[in-house]
Amino acid sequence: MMKKLLILLIFQSTLSIYSQEIAERKANKKTIVVKVYFENVQLKEKGKKKLQLKISTSPNARSNGLMAFFKQGKWTEYYSNGNKKRIVVYNGGDIKKVVKKWNEDGTINK
């Protein structure tokens, strides 16, 4: 199990570099702390991902399962200039609530 997790983390790190982002991850069993950076080394977003099983049903009533790390809990996103963009609450990779938003100049977006 640990070997599979390590391979998954290396694969995700490689994808992050090719997508012009640098990701920093700290593993803690089924939850990982993720920090993603812009190319200019400014923080882009930070939060936690949790290893979860997502089950979906196709139109012909077949069930499909995906075991992966999905965004979970509070995430903070930033603009490339370093100002906060928004705080979002995720559950199983889906946005549940946008807590607060800011404009790129740092003023609160209402």
C-alpha atoms as a PDB file:
ATOM      1  CA  MET A   1       0.000   0.000   0.000  1.00  0.00           C
ATOM      2  CA  MET A   2       2.795   2.406   0.901  1.00  0.00           C
ATOM      3  CA  LYS A   3       4.581   1.658  -2.392  1.00  0.00           C
ATOM      4  CA  LYS A   4       1.397   2.463  -4.356  1.00  0.00           C
ATOM      5  CA  LEU A   5       0.986   5.721  -2.432  1.00  0.00           C
ATOM      6  CA  LEU A   6       4.584   6.706  -3.166  1.00  0.00           C
ATOM      7  CA  ILE A   7       4.143   5.964  -6.880  1.00  0.00           C
ATOM      8  CA  LEU A   8       0.927   8.009  -6.900  1.00  0.00           C
ATOM      9  CA  LEU A   9       2.653  10.959  -5.220  1.00  0.00           C
ATOM     10  CA  ILE A  10       5.564  10.849  -7.690  1.00  0.00           C
ATOM     11  CA  PHE A  11       3.133  10.652 -10.621  1.00  0.00           C
ATOM     12  CA  GLN A  12       1.118  13.620  -9.316  1.00  0.00           C
ATOM     13  CA  SER A  13       4.312  15.618  -8.744  1.00  0.00           C
ATOM     14  CA  THR A  14       5.384  14.963 -12.329  1.00  0.00           C
ATOM     15  CA  LEU A  15       2.002  16.097 -13.641  1.00  0.00           C
ATOM     16  CA  SER A  16       2.190  19.251 -11.545  1.00  0.00           C
ATOM     17  CA  ILE A  17       5.576  20.194 -13.000  1.00  0.00           C
ATOM     18  CA  TYR A  18       4.389  19.646 -16.575  1.00  0.00           C
ATOM     19  CA  SER A  19       1.307  21.769 -15.911  1.00  0.00           C
ATOM     20  CA  GLN A  20       3.701  24.569 -14.922  1.00  0.00           C
ATOM     21  CA  GLU A  21       2.899  24.285 -11.253  1.00  0.00           C
ATOM     22  CA  ILE A  22       5.043  23.038  -8.420  1.00  0.00           C
ATOM     23  CA  ALA A  23       3.224  21.032  -5.764  1.00  0.00           C
ATOM     24  CA  GLU A  24       4.470  20.371  -2.249  1.00  0.00           C
ATOM     25  CA  ARG A  25       2.857  17.428  -0.496  1.00  0.00           C
ATOM     26  CA  LYS A  26       3.199  16.044   2.994  1.00  0.00           C
ATOM     27  CA  ALA A  27       1.746  12.543   3.376  1.00  0.00           C
ATOM     28  CA  ASN A  28      -0.206  11.509   6.465  1.00  0.00           C
ATOM     29  CA  LYS A  29      -1.777   8.109   5.689  1.00  0.00           C
ATOM     30  CA  LYS A  30      -5.078   8.885   3.933  1.00  0.00           C
ATOM     31  CA  THR A  31      -4.794  12.681   4.025  1.00  0.00           C
ATOM     32  CA  ILE A  32      -2.170  14.832   2.317  1.00  0.00           C
ATOM     33  CA  VAL A  33      -1.438  18.530   2.755  1.00  0.00           C
ATOM     34  CA  VAL A  34      -1.064  20.166  -0.655  1.00  0.00           C
ATOM     35  CA  LYS A  35       0.534  23.469  -1.602  1.00  0.00           C
ATOM     36  CA  VAL A  36       0.509  24.394  -5.289  1.00  0.00           C
ATOM     37  CA  TYR A  37       2.684  27.222  -6.632  1.00  0.00           C
ATOM     38  CA  PHE A  38       2.657  29.421  -9.734  1.00  0.00           C
ATOM     39  CA  GLU A  39       5.758  29.426 -11.965  1.00  0.00           C
ATOM     40  CA  ASN A  40       6.856  32.660 -10.247  1.00  0.00           C
ATOM     41  CA  VAL A  41       6.985  30.634  -6.973  1.00  0.00           C
ATOM     42  CA  GLN A  42       4.004  32.481  -5.474  1.00  0.00           C
ATOM     43  CA  LEU A  43       1.541  30.239  -3.631  1.00  0.00           C
ATOM     44  CA  LYS A  44      -1.467  29.382  -5.842  1.00  0.00           C
ATOM     45  CA  GLU A  45      -3.553  27.285  -3.448  1.00  0.00           C
ATOM     46  CA  LYS A  46      -3.269  25.258  -0.282  1.00  0.00           C
ATOM     47  CA  GLY A  47      -5.430  22.736   1.511  1.00  0.00           C
ATOM     48  CA  LYS A  48      -5.855  19.026   2.204  1.00  0.00           C
ATOM     49  CA  LYS A  49      -6.728  16.107  -0.019  1.00  0.00           C
ATOM     50  CA  LYS A  50      -8.253  12.938   1.354  1.00  0.00           C
ATOM     51  CA  LEU A  51      -8.091   9.451  -0.145  1.00  0.00           C
ATOM     52  CA  GLN A  52     -11.711   8.648  -0.936  1.00  0.00           C
ATOM     53  CA  LEU A  53     -13.795   6.318  -3.048  1.00  0.00           C
ATOM     54  CA  LYS A  54     -16.192   8.148  -5.389  1.00  0.00           C
ATOM     55  CA  ILE A  55     -18.963   6.049  -6.895  1.00  0.00           C
ATOM     56  CA  SER A  56     -20.902   7.192  -9.942  1.00  0.00           C
ATOM     57  CA  THR A  57     -23.661   5.514 -11.916  1.00  0.00           C
ATOM     58  CA  SER A  58     -23.772   5.561 -15.716  1.00  0.00           C
ATOM     59  CA  PRO A  59     -27.032   5.932 -17.707  1.00  0.00           C
ATOM     60  CA  ASN A  60     -27.182   2.149 -18.181  1.00  0.00           C
ATOM     61  CA  ALA A  61     -27.160   1.677 -14.369  1.00  0.00           C
ATOM     62  CA  ARG A  62     -23.534   0.507 -14.119  1.00  0.00           C
ATOM     63  CA  SER A  63     -21.665   1.656 -11.024  1.00  0.00           C
ATOM     64  CA  ASN A  64     -18.118   2.937 -11.365  1.00  0.00           C
ATOM     65  CA  GLY A  65     -15.736   3.620  -8.511  1.00  0.00           C
ATOM     66  CA  LEU A  66     -12.675   5.861  -8.403  1.00  0.00           C
ATOM     67  CA  MET A  67     -10.228   5.764  -5.490  1.00  0.00           C
ATOM     68  CA  ALA A  68      -8.189   8.958  -5.489  1.00  0.00           C
ATOM     69  CA  PHE A  69      -7.157  11.991  -3.440  1.00  0.00           C
ATOM     70  CA  PHE A  70      -9.923  14.602  -3.579  1.00  0.00           C
ATOM     71  CA  LYS A  71      -9.946  18.141  -2.186  1.00  0.00           C
ATOM     72  CA  GLN A  72     -11.451  18.114   1.301  1.00  0.00           C
ATOM     73  CA  GLY A  73     -12.252  20.892   3.763  1.00  0.00           C
ATOM     74  CA  LYS A  74     -11.119  24.502   3.590  1.00  0.00           C
ATOM     75  CA  TRP A  75      -8.865  25.566   0.687  1.00  0.00           C
ATOM     76  CA  THR A  76      -7.307  28.999   0.223  1.00  0.00           C
ATOM     77  CA  GLU A  77      -6.593  30.202  -3.318  1.00  0.00           C
ATOM     78  CA  TYR A  78      -4.286  33.091  -4.273  1.00  0.00           C
ATOM     79  CA  TYR A  79      -3.673  35.397  -7.235  1.00  0.00           C
ATOM     80  CA  SER A  80      -0.234  35.299  -8.874  1.00  0.00           C
ATOM     81  CA  ASN A  81       0.597  38.615  -7.134  1.00  0.00           C
ATOM     82  CA  GLY A  82       0.260  36.903  -3.722  1.00  0.00           C
ATOM     83  CA  ASN A  83      -3.117  38.375  -2.707  1.00  0.00           C
ATOM     84  CA  LYS A  84      -5.863  36.015  -1.558  1.00  0.00           C
ATOM     85  CA  LYS A  85      -8.425  35.093  -4.208  1.00  0.00           C
ATOM     86  CA  ARG A  86     -10.995  33.081  -2.261  1.00  0.00           C
ATOM     87  CA  ILE A  87     -11.591  30.594   0.526  1.00  0.00           C
ATOM     88  CA  VAL A  88     -13.599  27.555  -0.541  1.00  0.00           C
ATOM     89  CA  VAL A  89     -14.936  24.525   1.358  1.00  0.00           C
ATOM     90  CA  TYR A  90     -14.734  21.209  -0.533  1.00  0.00           C
ATOM     91  CA  ASN A  91     -16.301  17.844   0.166  1.00  0.00           C
ATOM     92  CA  GLY A  92     -15.064  14.910  -1.895  1.00  0.00           C
ATOM     93  CA  GLY A  93     -13.595  17.214  -4.541  1.00  0.00           C
ATOM     94  CA  ASP A  94     -16.810  19.196  -5.031  1.00  0.00           C
ATOM     95  CA  ILE A  95     -17.237  22.829  -3.965  1.00  0.00           C
ATOM     96  CA  LYS A  96     -19.761  23.031  -1.123  1.00  0.00           C
ATOM     97  CA  LYS A  97     -19.377  26.702  -0.176  1.00  0.00           C
ATOM     98  CA  VAL A  98     -17.401  29.778  -1.169  1.00  0.00           C
ATOM     99  CA  VAL A  99     -16.636  31.382   2.192  1.00  0.00           C
ATOM    100  CA  LYS A 100     -15.012  34.624   1.048  1.00  0.00           C
ATOM    101  CA  LYS A 101     -13.746  36.264  -2.169  1.00  0.00           C
ATOM    102  CA  TRP A 102     -11.231  39.001  -2.870  1.00  0.00           C
ATOM    103  CA  ASN A 103     -10.441  41.085  -5.936  1.00  0.00           C
ATOM    104  CA  GLU A 104      -6.925  40.952  -7.385  1.00  0.00           C
ATOM    105  CA  ASP A 105      -6.070  44.287  -5.714  1.00  0.00           C
ATOM    106  CA  GLY A 106      -6.852  42.788  -2.277  1.00  0.00           C
ATOM    107  CA  THR A 107     -10.270  44.396  -1.719  1.00  0.00           C
ATOM    108  CA  ILE A 108     -13.187  42.214  -0.611  1.00  0.00           C
ATOM    109  CA  ASN A 109     -15.439  41.042  -3.457  1.00  0.00           C
ATOM    110  CA  LYS A 110     -19.087  41.322  -2.452  1.00  0.00           C
END
